[in-house]
């Protein structure tokens, strides 16, 4: 079994974390079953957020009476003290716990620090003093904010997108966290579904001893896949290295990661899926993307106001309206039976 210690937190877990965003899409009974099965088979860190609707509630139900056996990390998107305390109390209540192992600022547009105008870092310190949280973390999609958080020395963990599609900037961030003895939690290890070979994804991340991937799990077959890696962790073979290079050639660069921070759209375009439809068509069975329901979602692109709100909110600096137009054109060509 391969383990990871999250920096100065001292939290040591199997190199498989459970990403609980997807369980908000399934009924509570199924979610509780998946969570408990994950624990029984060796996963002990479960990551969620106040923003993930009823995900915290499902985790609370799953681990009631056995809280000390698992690590729970959650997040607040609060930018005021009032919102911070409201989120924290709601999370504690839904999780049915007296403490949160790692409480994280959820993708803030700035790096919260003592003495800034927000006052929310002071809230973190007070919550820790009260014993309601044990460690302070931050998540982000902005490389600048992430570097600032690491350099500040104020955080024990950073959660950031990291996969074999990541570039040199992300690799530098991972190395900096290692040097600073700061825990690195890798979200989007499958790049929002664009990476379809989880064994290759695991083998890549296994090369970084300080990185803990959290896998988004919604179905039992997905969970079983990651559980199998506990006793038989995939290694970086020549075949997997070749696959990774092929995917990098096809996917690296200016593409939508599907993070959803551009949402909501004023006219209801499902940007986080529509802006990467060309890649989804290449990476998954096209029949899944050509249903009447998906066709209707893609047609909404015609209603784009070109207000550029999505562009201004994209943490990767993408020209989102142009991406939408390009993906819609590809989609219409596929519907017309033309290869692209």
C-alpha atoms as a PDB file:
ATOM      1  CA  UNK A   1       0.000   0.000   0.000  1.00  0.00           C
ATOM      2  CA  UNK A   2       1.344   3.430  -0.983  1.00  0.00           C
ATOM      3  CA  UNK A   3       0.700   6.244   1.486  1.00  0.00           C
ATOM      4  CA  UNK A   4       0.987  10.035   1.446  1.00  0.00           C
ATOM      5  CA  UNK A   5       1.590  12.407   4.356  1.00  0.00           C
ATOM      6  CA  UNK A   6       0.022  15.820   3.851  1.00  0.00           C
ATOM      7  CA  UNK A   7       2.886  18.057   4.887  1.00  0.00           C
ATOM      8  CA  UNK A   8       2.861  19.421   8.419  1.00  0.00           C
ATOM      9  CA  UNK A   9      -0.663  18.147   9.109  1.00  0.00           C
ATOM     10  CA  UNK A  10       0.766  14.718   9.892  1.00  0.00           C
ATOM     11  CA  UNK A  11      -2.256  13.211   8.141  1.00  0.00           C
ATOM     12  CA  UNK A  12      -1.080   9.998   6.457  1.00  0.00           C
ATOM     13  CA  UNK A  13      -3.479   8.193   4.147  1.00  0.00           C
ATOM     14  CA  UNK A  14      -3.560   5.771   1.244  1.00  0.00           C
ATOM     15  CA  UNK A  15      -2.700   7.445  -2.085  1.00  0.00           C
ATOM     16  CA  UNK A  16      -6.371   7.440  -3.007  1.00  0.00           C
ATOM     17  CA  UNK A  17      -8.653  10.172  -1.710  1.00  0.00           C
ATOM     18  CA  UNK A  18     -12.408  10.149  -2.233  1.00  0.00           C
ATOM     19  CA  UNK A  19     -13.710  13.214  -4.083  1.00  0.00           C
ATOM     20  CA  UNK A  20     -17.300  13.635  -2.946  1.00  0.00           C
ATOM     21  CA  UNK A  21     -18.563  16.220  -5.438  1.00  0.00           C
ATOM     22  CA  UNK A  22     -20.240  13.559  -7.658  1.00  0.00           C
ATOM     23  CA  UNK A  23     -22.220  11.927  -4.835  1.00  0.00           C
ATOM     24  CA  UNK A  24     -24.546  14.932  -4.778  1.00  0.00           C
ATOM     25  CA  UNK A  25     -25.982  13.472  -8.004  1.00  0.00           C
ATOM     26  CA  UNK A  26     -27.090  10.162  -6.476  1.00  0.00           C
ATOM     27  CA  UNK A  27     -29.583   9.234  -3.772  1.00  0.00           C
ATOM     28  CA  UNK A  28     -28.432   9.154  -0.165  1.00  0.00           C
ATOM     29  CA  UNK A  29     -28.673   5.377   0.185  1.00  0.00           C
ATOM     30  CA  UNK A  30     -26.338   4.804  -2.767  1.00  0.00           C
ATOM     31  CA  UNK A  31     -23.931   7.509  -1.627  1.00  0.00           C
ATOM     32  CA  UNK A  32     -23.682   6.094   1.887  1.00  0.00           C
ATOM     33  CA  UNK A  33     -23.027   2.647   0.440  1.00  0.00           C
ATOM     34  CA  UNK A  34     -20.166   3.954  -1.741  1.00  0.00           C
ATOM     35  CA  UNK A  35     -18.620   5.958   1.100  1.00  0.00           C
ATOM     36  CA  UNK A  36     -18.682   3.045   3.524  1.00  0.00           C
ATOM     37  CA  UNK A  37     -17.343   0.621   0.938  1.00  0.00           C
ATOM     38  CA  UNK A  38     -14.501   3.010   0.190  1.00  0.00           C
ATOM     39  CA  UNK A  39     -13.599   3.156   3.877  1.00  0.00           C
ATOM     40  CA  UNK A  40     -13.866  -0.583   4.404  1.00  0.00           C
ATOM     41  CA  UNK A  41     -11.487  -1.138   1.488  1.00  0.00           C
ATOM     42  CA  UNK A  42      -8.816   1.309   2.638  1.00  0.00           C
ATOM     43  CA  UNK A  43      -9.731   4.893   1.684  1.00  0.00           C
ATOM     44  CA  UNK A  44      -9.735   7.179   4.722  1.00  0.00           C
ATOM     45  CA  UNK A  45      -9.760  10.761   3.365  1.00  0.00           C
ATOM     46  CA  UNK A  46     -13.005  12.204   2.029  1.00  0.00           C
ATOM     47  CA  UNK A  47     -13.116  15.641   0.404  1.00  0.00           C
ATOM     48  CA  UNK A  48     -16.271  17.691   0.005  1.00  0.00           C
ATOM     49  CA  UNK A  49     -17.492  21.306   0.155  1.00  0.00           C
ATOM     50  CA  UNK A  50     -20.366  23.391   1.448  1.00  0.00           C
ATOM     51  CA  UNK A  51     -20.992  24.247  -2.223  1.00  0.00           C
ATOM     52  CA  UNK A  52     -21.662  20.579  -3.119  1.00  0.00           C
ATOM     53  CA  UNK A  53     -25.359  20.668  -2.118  1.00  0.00           C
ATOM     54  CA  UNK A  54     -26.060  17.574   0.063  1.00  0.00           C
ATOM     55  CA  UNK A  55     -22.621  15.924  -0.213  1.00  0.00           C
ATOM     56  CA  UNK A  56     -21.697  16.832   3.377  1.00  0.00           C
ATOM     57  CA  UNK A  57     -24.985  15.453   4.665  1.00  0.00           C
ATOM     58  CA  UNK A  58     -24.322  12.113   2.959  1.00  0.00           C
ATOM     59  CA  UNK A  59     -20.824  11.906   4.412  1.00  0.00           C
ATOM     60  CA  UNK A  60     -22.187  12.685   7.853  1.00  0.00           C
ATOM     61  CA  UNK A  61     -24.677   9.850   7.561  1.00  0.00           C
ATOM     62  CA  UNK A  62     -22.040   7.405   6.294  1.00  0.00           C
ATOM     63  CA  UNK A  63     -19.564   7.935   9.115  1.00  0.00           C
ATOM     64  CA  UNK A  64     -21.852   8.577  12.058  1.00  0.00           C
ATOM     65  CA  UNK A  65     -20.425   6.785  15.083  1.00  0.00           C
ATOM     66  CA  UNK A  66     -16.994   6.257  13.494  1.00  0.00           C
ATOM     67  CA  UNK A  67     -15.811   9.815  12.975  1.00  0.00           C
ATOM     68  CA  UNK A  68     -12.350   9.265  14.442  1.00  0.00           C
ATOM     69  CA  UNK A  69     -11.581   6.598  11.827  1.00  0.00           C
ATOM     70  CA  UNK A  70     -11.710   8.937   8.825  1.00  0.00           C
ATOM     71  CA  UNK A  71     -10.340  12.296   7.712  1.00  0.00           C
ATOM     72  CA  UNK A  72     -12.888  14.782   6.386  1.00  0.00           C
ATOM     73  CA  UNK A  73     -11.877  17.844   4.409  1.00  0.00           C
ATOM     74  CA  UNK A  74     -14.396  20.438   3.311  1.00  0.00           C
ATOM     75  CA  UNK A  75     -14.466  23.983   1.992  1.00  0.00           C
ATOM     76  CA  UNK A  76     -16.073  27.391   2.338  1.00  0.00           C
ATOM     77  CA  UNK A  77     -16.477  29.938  -0.444  1.00  0.00           C
ATOM     78  CA  UNK A  78     -17.179  32.645   2.136  1.00  0.00           C
ATOM     79  CA  UNK A  79     -15.590  36.053   1.657  1.00  0.00           C
ATOM     80  CA  UNK A  80     -17.010  37.664   4.811  1.00  0.00           C
ATOM     81  CA  UNK A  81     -16.760  36.616   8.492  1.00  0.00           C
ATOM     82  CA  UNK A  82     -20.539  36.282   8.718  1.00  0.00           C
ATOM     83  CA  UNK A  83     -20.673  33.907   5.767  1.00  0.00           C
ATOM     84  CA  UNK A  84     -17.633  32.003   7.099  1.00  0.00           C
ATOM     85  CA  UNK A  85     -19.254  31.169  10.441  1.00  0.00           C
ATOM     86  CA  UNK A  86     -22.572  30.346   8.786  1.00  0.00           C
ATOM     87  CA  UNK A  87     -20.841  27.906   6.407  1.00  0.00           C
ATOM     88  CA  UNK A  88     -18.747  26.329   9.148  1.00  0.00           C
ATOM     89  CA  UNK A  89     -21.675  25.699  11.481  1.00  0.00           C
ATOM     90  CA  UNK A  90     -23.752  24.278   8.633  1.00  0.00           C
ATOM     91  CA  UNK A  91     -20.893  21.968   7.592  1.00  0.00           C
ATOM     92  CA  UNK A  92     -20.381  20.730  11.154  1.00  0.00           C
ATOM     93  CA  UNK A  93     -24.111  20.093  11.478  1.00  0.00           C
ATOM     94  CA  UNK A  94     -24.485  18.264   8.156  1.00  0.00           C
ATOM     95  CA  UNK A  95     -21.302  16.236   8.711  1.00  0.00           C
ATOM     96  CA  UNK A  96     -22.539  15.364  12.212  1.00  0.00           C
ATOM     97  CA  UNK A  97     -19.117  16.122  13.661  1.00  0.00           C
ATOM     98  CA  UNK A  98     -17.501  18.433  16.180  1.00  0.00           C
ATOM     99  CA  UNK A  99     -14.462  19.150  14.006  1.00  0.00           C
ATOM    100  CA  UNK A 100     -13.196  19.229  10.422  1.00  0.00           C
ATOM    101  CA  UNK A 101      -9.748  17.825   9.737  1.00  0.00           C
ATOM    102  CA  UNK A 102      -8.823  20.305   6.986  1.00  0.00           C
ATOM    103  CA  UNK A 103     -10.989  23.362   6.362  1.00  0.00           C
ATOM    104  CA  UNK A 104     -10.205  24.980   3.021  1.00  0.00           C
ATOM    105  CA  UNK A 105     -10.962  28.296   1.385  1.00  0.00           C
ATOM    106  CA  UNK A 106     -12.787  27.296  -1.800  1.00  0.00           C
ATOM    107  CA  UNK A 107     -11.147  28.822  -4.899  1.00  0.00           C
ATOM    108  CA  UNK A 108     -10.916  32.416  -3.653  1.00  0.00           C
ATOM    109  CA  UNK A 109      -9.961  35.080  -6.197  1.00  0.00           C
ATOM    110  CA  UNK A 110      -7.311  36.278  -3.727  1.00  0.00           C
ATOM    111  CA  UNK A 111      -5.107  34.680  -1.086  1.00  0.00           C
ATOM    112  CA  UNK A 112      -6.680  35.356   2.339  1.00  0.00           C
ATOM    113  CA  UNK A 113      -4.145  36.648   4.869  1.00  0.00           C
ATOM    114  CA  UNK A 114      -4.229  38.186   8.340  1.00  0.00           C
ATOM    115  CA  UNK A 115      -4.879  41.898   8.162  1.00  0.00           C
ATOM    116  CA  UNK A 116      -6.480  41.971   4.727  1.00  0.00           C
ATOM    117  CA  UNK A 117      -9.818  43.701   4.351  1.00  0.00           C
ATOM    118  CA  UNK A 118     -11.843  40.476   4.374  1.00  0.00           C
ATOM    119  CA  UNK A 119     -11.111  39.266   7.911  1.00  0.00           C
ATOM    120  CA  UNK A 120     -11.740  35.658   6.917  1.00  0.00           C
ATOM    121  CA  UNK A 121      -8.269  34.306   7.677  1.00  0.00           C
ATOM    122  CA  UNK A 122      -8.718  35.497  11.258  1.00  0.00           C
ATOM    123  CA  UNK A 123     -11.929  33.432  11.296  1.00  0.00           C
ATOM    124  CA  UNK A 124      -9.887  30.353  10.349  1.00  0.00           C
ATOM    125  CA  UNK A 125      -7.519  31.003  13.244  1.00  0.00           C
ATOM    126  CA  UNK A 126     -10.395  31.446  15.680  1.00  0.00           C
ATOM    127  CA  UNK A 127     -12.131  28.288  14.441  1.00  0.00           C
ATOM    128  CA  UNK A 128      -8.892  26.369  14.951  1.00  0.00           C
ATOM    129  CA  UNK A 129      -8.519  27.839  18.435  1.00  0.00           C
ATOM    130  CA  UNK A 130     -12.058  26.670  19.236  1.00  0.00           C
ATOM    131  CA  UNK A 131     -11.214  23.148  18.026  1.00  0.00           C
ATOM    132  CA  UNK A 132     -13.759  23.247  15.212  1.00  0.00           C
ATOM    133  CA  UNK A 133     -11.072  22.792  12.581  1.00  0.00           C
ATOM    134  CA  UNK A 134      -7.677  21.146  12.874  1.00  0.00           C
ATOM    135  CA  UNK A 135      -5.795  22.347   9.803  1.00  0.00           C
ATOM    136  CA  UNK A 136      -6.104  25.276   7.387  1.00  0.00           C
ATOM    137  CA  UNK A 137      -6.038  24.706   3.644  1.00  0.00           C
ATOM    138  CA  UNK A 138      -6.859  26.458   0.393  1.00  0.00           C
ATOM    139  CA  UNK A 139      -8.056  25.303  -3.023  1.00  0.00           C
ATOM    140  CA  UNK A 140      -7.626  27.175  -6.272  1.00  0.00           C
ATOM    141  CA  UNK A 141      -7.576  27.087 -10.058  1.00  0.00           C
ATOM    142  CA  UNK A 142      -5.461  30.240 -10.397  1.00  0.00           C
ATOM    143  CA  UNK A 143      -1.726  29.546 -10.537  1.00  0.00           C
ATOM    144  CA  UNK A 144      -0.873  32.990  -9.166  1.00  0.00           C
ATOM    145  CA  UNK A 145      -3.091  32.665  -6.106  1.00  0.00           C
ATOM    146  CA  UNK A 146      -1.776  29.149  -5.527  1.00  0.00           C
ATOM    147  CA  UNK A 147       1.858  30.307  -5.541  1.00  0.00           C
ATOM    148  CA  UNK A 148       0.991  33.173  -3.210  1.00  0.00           C
ATOM    149  CA  UNK A 149      -0.663  30.755  -0.789  1.00  0.00           C
ATOM    150  CA  UNK A 150       2.386  28.475  -0.764  1.00  0.00           C
ATOM    151  CA  UNK A 151       4.792  31.388  -0.346  1.00  0.00           C
ATOM    152  CA  UNK A 152       2.736  32.884   2.500  1.00  0.00           C
ATOM    153  CA  UNK A 153       3.381  29.988   4.876  1.00  0.00           C
ATOM    154  CA  UNK A 154      -0.181  30.417   6.149  1.00  0.00           C
ATOM    155  CA  UNK A 155      -1.589  27.173   4.785  1.00  0.00           C
ATOM    156  CA  UNK A 156      -0.903  23.519   5.515  1.00  0.00           C
ATOM    157  CA  UNK A 157      -2.435  22.158   2.316  1.00  0.00           C
ATOM    158  CA  UNK A 158      -3.056  23.289  -1.235  1.00  0.00           C
ATOM    159  CA  UNK A 159      -5.662  21.654  -3.456  1.00  0.00           C
ATOM    160  CA  UNK A 160      -5.026  22.329  -7.146  1.00  0.00           C
ATOM    161  CA  UNK A 161      -5.723  20.644 -10.524  1.00  0.00           C
ATOM    162  CA  UNK A 162      -2.914  18.227 -11.368  1.00  0.00           C
ATOM    163  CA  UNK A 163      -2.797  15.444 -13.919  1.00  0.00           C
ATOM    164  CA  UNK A 164      -0.564  14.216 -16.692  1.00  0.00           C
ATOM    165  CA  UNK A 165      -1.996  17.001 -18.862  1.00  0.00           C
ATOM    166  CA  UNK A 166      -0.520  19.600 -16.506  1.00  0.00           C
ATOM    167  CA  UNK A 167       2.343  21.775 -17.688  1.00  0.00           C
ATOM    168  CA  UNK A 168       5.581  23.074 -16.238  1.00  0.00           C
ATOM    169  CA  UNK A 169       3.835  25.694 -14.092  1.00  0.00           C
ATOM    170  CA  UNK A 170       1.873  23.033 -12.243  1.00  0.00           C
ATOM    171  CA  UNK A 171       4.969  20.852 -11.852  1.00  0.00           C
ATOM    172  CA  UNK A 172       6.798  23.813 -10.309  1.00  0.00           C
ATOM    173  CA  UNK A 173       3.922  24.241  -7.868  1.00  0.00           C
ATOM    174  CA  UNK A 174       4.076  20.579  -6.802  1.00  0.00           C
ATOM    175  CA  UNK A 175       7.831  20.858  -6.244  1.00  0.00           C
ATOM    176  CA  UNK A 176       7.451  24.085  -4.268  1.00  0.00           C
ATOM    177  CA  UNK A 177       4.900  22.434  -1.970  1.00  0.00           C
ATOM    178  CA  UNK A 178       7.335  19.568  -1.418  1.00  0.00           C
ATOM    179  CA  UNK A 179      10.137  21.960  -0.525  1.00  0.00           C
ATOM    180  CA  UNK A 180       7.869  23.889   1.859  1.00  0.00           C
ATOM    181  CA  UNK A 181       6.521  20.656   3.398  1.00  0.00           C
ATOM    182  CA  UNK A 182       2.995  21.664   2.409  1.00  0.00           C
ATOM    183  CA  UNK A 183       0.423  19.024   1.574  1.00  0.00           C
ATOM    184  CA  UNK A 184      -0.624  18.875  -2.089  1.00  0.00           C
ATOM    185  CA  UNK A 185      -4.095  17.511  -2.873  1.00  0.00           C
ATOM    186  CA  UNK A 186      -4.599  16.879  -6.584  1.00  0.00           C
ATOM    187  CA  UNK A 187      -8.065  17.576  -7.925  1.00  0.00           C
ATOM    188  CA  UNK A 188      -9.037  16.944 -11.555  1.00  0.00           C
ATOM    189  CA  UNK A 189      -6.603  14.012 -11.732  1.00  0.00           C
ATOM    190  CA  UNK A 190      -8.666  12.752 -14.683  1.00  0.00           C
ATOM    191  CA  UNK A 191      -8.931  16.280 -16.100  1.00  0.00           C
ATOM    192  CA  UNK A 192     -12.702  16.407 -15.840  1.00  0.00           C
ATOM    193  CA  UNK A 193     -13.166  13.128 -17.715  1.00  0.00           C
ATOM    194  CA  UNK A 194     -10.813  13.864 -20.618  1.00  0.00           C
ATOM    195  CA  UNK A 195      -8.352  11.298 -19.257  1.00  0.00           C
ATOM    196  CA  UNK A 196      -9.978   7.914 -19.753  1.00  0.00           C
ATOM    197  CA  UNK A 197      -7.196   5.622 -18.529  1.00  0.00           C
ATOM    198  CA  UNK A 198      -7.188   5.842 -14.732  1.00  0.00           C
ATOM    199  CA  UNK A 199      -4.248   3.427 -14.430  1.00  0.00           C
ATOM    200  CA  UNK A 200      -2.081   5.781 -16.477  1.00  0.00           C
ATOM    201  CA  UNK A 201      -3.352   8.723 -14.419  1.00  0.00           C
ATOM    202  CA  UNK A 202      -2.475   6.919 -11.190  1.00  0.00           C
ATOM    203  CA  UNK A 203       0.957   5.840 -12.455  1.00  0.00           C
ATOM    204  CA  UNK A 204       1.787   9.421 -13.369  1.00  0.00           C
ATOM    205  CA  UNK A 205       0.767  10.814  -9.974  1.00  0.00           C
ATOM    206  CA  UNK A 206       2.561   7.991  -8.167  1.00  0.00           C
ATOM    207  CA  UNK A 207       5.813   9.585  -9.303  1.00  0.00           C
ATOM    208  CA  UNK A 208       5.170  12.473  -6.886  1.00  0.00           C
ATOM    209  CA  UNK A 209       5.431  11.260  -3.310  1.00  0.00           C
ATOM    210  CA  UNK A 210       3.876  14.412  -1.810  1.00  0.00           C
ATOM    211  CA  UNK A 211       0.752  14.378  -4.004  1.00  0.00           C
ATOM    212  CA  UNK A 212      -2.583  12.938  -2.875  1.00  0.00           C
ATOM    213  CA  UNK A 213      -5.085  12.504  -5.727  1.00  0.00           C
ATOM    214  CA  UNK A 214      -8.774  12.712  -4.897  1.00  0.00           C
ATOM    215  CA  UNK A 215     -10.868  10.768  -7.377  1.00  0.00           C
ATOM    216  CA  UNK A 216     -14.416  11.888  -8.079  1.00  0.00           C
ATOM    217  CA  UNK A 217     -16.653   8.874  -7.496  1.00  0.00           C
ATOM    218  CA  UNK A 218     -20.302   8.462  -8.457  1.00  0.00           C
ATOM    219  CA  UNK A 219     -20.608   4.798  -9.465  1.00  0.00           C
ATOM    220  CA  UNK A 220     -19.478   1.587  -7.821  1.00  0.00           C
ATOM    221  CA  UNK A 221     -17.494   0.472 -10.874  1.00  0.00           C
ATOM    222  CA  UNK A 222     -15.486   3.707 -10.661  1.00  0.00           C
ATOM    223  CA  UNK A 223     -14.789   3.091  -6.998  1.00  0.00           C
ATOM    224  CA  UNK A 224     -13.774  -0.509  -7.647  1.00  0.00           C
ATOM    225  CA  UNK A 225     -11.259   0.693 -10.213  1.00  0.00           C
ATOM    226  CA  UNK A 226      -9.485   2.918  -7.708  1.00  0.00           C
ATOM    227  CA  UNK A 227      -9.772   0.402  -4.884  1.00  0.00           C
ATOM    228  CA  UNK A 228      -7.933  -2.139  -7.020  1.00  0.00           C
ATOM    229  CA  UNK A 229      -4.949   0.221  -7.082  1.00  0.00           C
ATOM    230  CA  UNK A 230      -4.505   0.038  -3.304  1.00  0.00           C
ATOM    231  CA  UNK A 231      -2.987  -3.425  -3.366  1.00  0.00           C
ATOM    232  CA  UNK A 232      -1.838  -3.312  -7.003  1.00  0.00           C
ATOM    233  CA  UNK A 233      -0.747   0.256  -7.786  1.00  0.00           C
ATOM    234  CA  UNK A 234      -0.194   0.775 -11.527  1.00  0.00           C
ATOM    235  CA  UNK A 235       3.414   1.429 -12.508  1.00  0.00           C
ATOM    236  CA  UNK A 236       4.727   3.681 -15.266  1.00  0.00           C
ATOM    237  CA  UNK A 237       5.263   1.197 -18.066  1.00  0.00           C
ATOM    238  CA  UNK A 238       6.474   2.052 -21.554  1.00  0.00           C
ATOM    239  CA  UNK A 239       2.956   1.483 -22.855  1.00  0.00           C
ATOM    240  CA  UNK A 240       1.430   3.920 -20.342  1.00  0.00           C
ATOM    241  CA  UNK A 241       4.155   6.493 -21.005  1.00  0.00           C
ATOM    242  CA  UNK A 242       3.355   6.279 -24.719  1.00  0.00           C
ATOM    243  CA  UNK A 243      -0.363   6.743 -24.030  1.00  0.00           C
ATOM    244  CA  UNK A 244       0.364   9.794 -21.873  1.00  0.00           C
ATOM    245  CA  UNK A 245       2.474  11.389 -24.583  1.00  0.00           C
ATOM    246  CA  UNK A 246      -0.258  10.743 -27.142  1.00  0.00           C
ATOM    247  CA  UNK A 247      -2.884  12.348 -24.903  1.00  0.00           C
ATOM    248  CA  UNK A 248      -0.632  15.307 -24.187  1.00  0.00           C
ATOM    249  CA  UNK A 249      -0.144  15.922 -27.877  1.00  0.00           C
ATOM    250  CA  UNK A 250      -3.903  15.901 -28.410  1.00  0.00           C
ATOM    251  CA  UNK A 251      -5.160  17.628 -25.280  1.00  0.00           C
ATOM    252  CA  UNK A 252      -2.599  19.985 -23.776  1.00  0.00           C
ATOM    253  CA  UNK A 253      -3.081  23.683 -24.367  1.00  0.00           C
ATOM    254  CA  UNK A 254      -6.106  25.948 -24.613  1.00  0.00           C
ATOM    255  CA  UNK A 255      -8.933  23.645 -23.618  1.00  0.00           C
ATOM    256  CA  UNK A 256     -11.800  23.894 -21.151  1.00  0.00           C
ATOM    257  CA  UNK A 257     -11.137  21.913 -17.944  1.00  0.00           C
ATOM    258  CA  UNK A 258     -14.834  21.815 -17.036  1.00  0.00           C
ATOM    259  CA  UNK A 259     -14.296  23.430 -13.613  1.00  0.00           C
ATOM    260  CA  UNK A 260     -17.545  25.404 -13.894  1.00  0.00           C
ATOM    261  CA  UNK A 261     -16.306  28.673 -12.385  1.00  0.00           C
ATOM    262  CA  UNK A 262     -17.571  30.505 -15.485  1.00  0.00           C
ATOM    263  CA  UNK A 263     -21.114  29.586 -14.497  1.00  0.00           C
ATOM    264  CA  UNK A 264     -23.910  30.526 -14.386  1.00  0.00           C
ATOM    265  CA  UNK A 265     -24.453  31.808 -17.893  1.00  0.00           C
ATOM    266  CA  UNK A 266     -27.028  34.642 -18.219  1.00  0.00           C
ATOM    267  CA  UNK A 267     -28.814  32.756 -21.020  1.00  0.00           C
ATOM    268  CA  UNK A 268     -28.428  29.284 -19.532  1.00  0.00           C
ATOM    269  CA  UNK A 269     -25.611  27.828 -21.658  1.00  0.00           C
ATOM    270  CA  UNK A 270     -24.027  24.835 -19.903  1.00  0.00           C
ATOM    271  CA  UNK A 271     -20.574  26.271 -20.580  1.00  0.00           C
ATOM    272  CA  UNK A 272     -18.499  23.753 -18.619  1.00  0.00           C
ATOM    273  CA  UNK A 273     -19.593  20.946 -20.950  1.00  0.00           C
ATOM    274  CA  UNK A 274     -20.427  22.799 -24.168  1.00  0.00           C
ATOM    275  CA  UNK A 275     -17.029  24.512 -24.349  1.00  0.00           C
ATOM    276  CA  UNK A 276     -15.241  21.154 -24.422  1.00  0.00           C
ATOM    277  CA  UNK A 277     -17.694  19.146 -26.483  1.00  0.00           C
ATOM    278  CA  UNK A 278     -15.187  18.540 -29.306  1.00  0.00           C
ATOM    279  CA  UNK A 279     -12.879  16.797 -26.835  1.00  0.00           C
ATOM    280  CA  UNK A 280     -15.717  14.847 -25.244  1.00  0.00           C
ATOM    281  CA  UNK A 281     -16.727  13.575 -28.677  1.00  0.00           C
ATOM    282  CA  UNK A 282     -13.189  12.338 -29.252  1.00  0.00           C
ATOM    283  CA  UNK A 283     -12.692  10.877 -25.774  1.00  0.00           C
ATOM    284  CA  UNK A 284     -15.990   9.058 -25.187  1.00  0.00           C
ATOM    285  CA  UNK A 285     -18.554   7.191 -27.287  1.00  0.00           C
ATOM    286  CA  UNK A 286     -20.087   9.874 -29.508  1.00  0.00           C
ATOM    287  CA  UNK A 287     -23.557   8.427 -28.974  1.00  0.00           C
ATOM    288  CA  UNK A 288     -23.467   9.758 -25.405  1.00  0.00           C
ATOM    289  CA  UNK A 289     -23.049  13.299 -26.710  1.00  0.00           C
ATOM    290  CA  UNK A 290     -25.509  13.197 -29.622  1.00  0.00           C
ATOM    291  CA  UNK A 291     -28.745  12.692 -27.722  1.00  0.00           C
ATOM    292  CA  UNK A 292     -31.648  15.129 -28.235  1.00  0.00           C
ATOM    293  CA  UNK A 293     -30.984  16.496 -24.737  1.00  0.00           C
ATOM    294  CA  UNK A 294     -27.343  17.320 -25.493  1.00  0.00           C
ATOM    295  CA  UNK A 295     -28.275  18.714 -28.919  1.00  0.00           C
ATOM    296  CA  UNK A 296     -30.640  21.123 -27.206  1.00  0.00           C
ATOM    297  CA  UNK A 297     -27.900  22.190 -24.778  1.00  0.00           C
ATOM    298  CA  UNK A 298     -25.485  22.843 -27.628  1.00  0.00           C
ATOM    299  CA  UNK A 299     -28.115  24.821 -29.554  1.00  0.00           C
ATOM    300  CA  UNK A 300     -28.264  27.244 -26.604  1.00  0.00           C
ATOM    301  CA  UNK A 301     -24.866  28.535 -27.754  1.00  0.00           C
ATOM    302  CA  UNK A 302     -26.796  30.401 -30.472  1.00  0.00           C
ATOM    303  CA  UNK A 303     -28.244  32.558 -27.674  1.00  0.00           C
ATOM    304  CA  UNK A 304     -24.795  33.720 -26.497  1.00  0.00           C
ATOM    305  CA  UNK A 305     -24.856  37.449 -25.648  1.00  0.00           C
ATOM    306  CA  UNK A 306     -21.078  37.796 -25.960  1.00  0.00           C
ATOM    307  CA  UNK A 307     -21.185  39.553 -22.604  1.00  0.00           C
ATOM    308  CA  UNK A 308     -17.787  37.978 -21.805  1.00  0.00           C
ATOM    309  CA  UNK A 309     -18.755  37.239 -18.206  1.00  0.00           C
ATOM    310  CA  UNK A 310     -17.568  33.655 -18.666  1.00  0.00           C
ATOM    311  CA  UNK A 311     -14.284  34.858 -20.148  1.00  0.00           C
ATOM    312  CA  UNK A 312     -13.635  37.205 -17.229  1.00  0.00           C
ATOM    313  CA  UNK A 313     -14.338  34.455 -14.673  1.00  0.00           C
ATOM    314  CA  UNK A 314     -12.248  31.693 -16.294  1.00  0.00           C
ATOM    315  CA  UNK A 315      -9.302  30.921 -13.966  1.00  0.00           C
ATOM    316  CA  UNK A 316      -7.315  29.666 -16.970  1.00  0.00           C
ATOM    317  CA  UNK A 317      -7.753  32.863 -18.985  1.00  0.00           C
ATOM    318  CA  UNK A 318      -9.537  31.124 -21.863  1.00  0.00           C
ATOM    319  CA  UNK A 319     -11.465  32.949 -24.566  1.00  0.00           C
ATOM    320  CA  UNK A 320     -14.626  31.067 -23.632  1.00  0.00           C
ATOM    321  CA  UNK A 321     -17.051  32.587 -26.184  1.00  0.00           C
ATOM    322  CA  UNK A 322     -14.673  31.640 -29.013  1.00  0.00           C
ATOM    323  CA  UNK A 323     -14.320  28.124 -27.578  1.00  0.00           C
ATOM    324  CA  UNK A 324     -18.108  27.788 -27.484  1.00  0.00           C
ATOM    325  CA  UNK A 325     -18.418  28.814 -31.126  1.00  0.00           C
ATOM    326  CA  UNK A 326     -15.660  26.420 -32.208  1.00  0.00           C
ATOM    327  CA  UNK A 327     -17.184  23.510 -30.301  1.00  0.00           C
ATOM    328  CA  UNK A 328     -20.647  24.248 -31.663  1.00  0.00           C
ATOM    329  CA  UNK A 329     -19.314  24.245 -35.226  1.00  0.00           C
ATOM    330  CA  UNK A 330     -17.570  20.884 -34.618  1.00  0.00           C
ATOM    331  CA  UNK A 331     -20.764  19.517 -33.108  1.00  0.00           C
ATOM    332  CA  UNK A 332     -22.921  20.537 -36.070  1.00  0.00           C
ATOM    333  CA  UNK A 333     -20.441  18.913 -38.447  1.00  0.00           C
ATOM    334  CA  UNK A 334     -20.590  15.654 -36.502  1.00  0.00           C
ATOM    335  CA  UNK A 335     -24.411  15.748 -36.617  1.00  0.00           C
ATOM    336  CA  UNK A 336     -24.178  16.258 -40.371  1.00  0.00           C
ATOM    337  CA  UNK A 337     -21.984  13.184 -40.636  1.00  0.00           C
ATOM    338  CA  UNK A 338     -18.752  15.041 -41.325  1.00  0.00           C
ATOM    339  CA  UNK A 339     -15.512  13.973 -39.596  1.00  0.00           C
ATOM    340  CA  UNK A 340     -13.545  16.629 -37.765  1.00  0.00           C
END
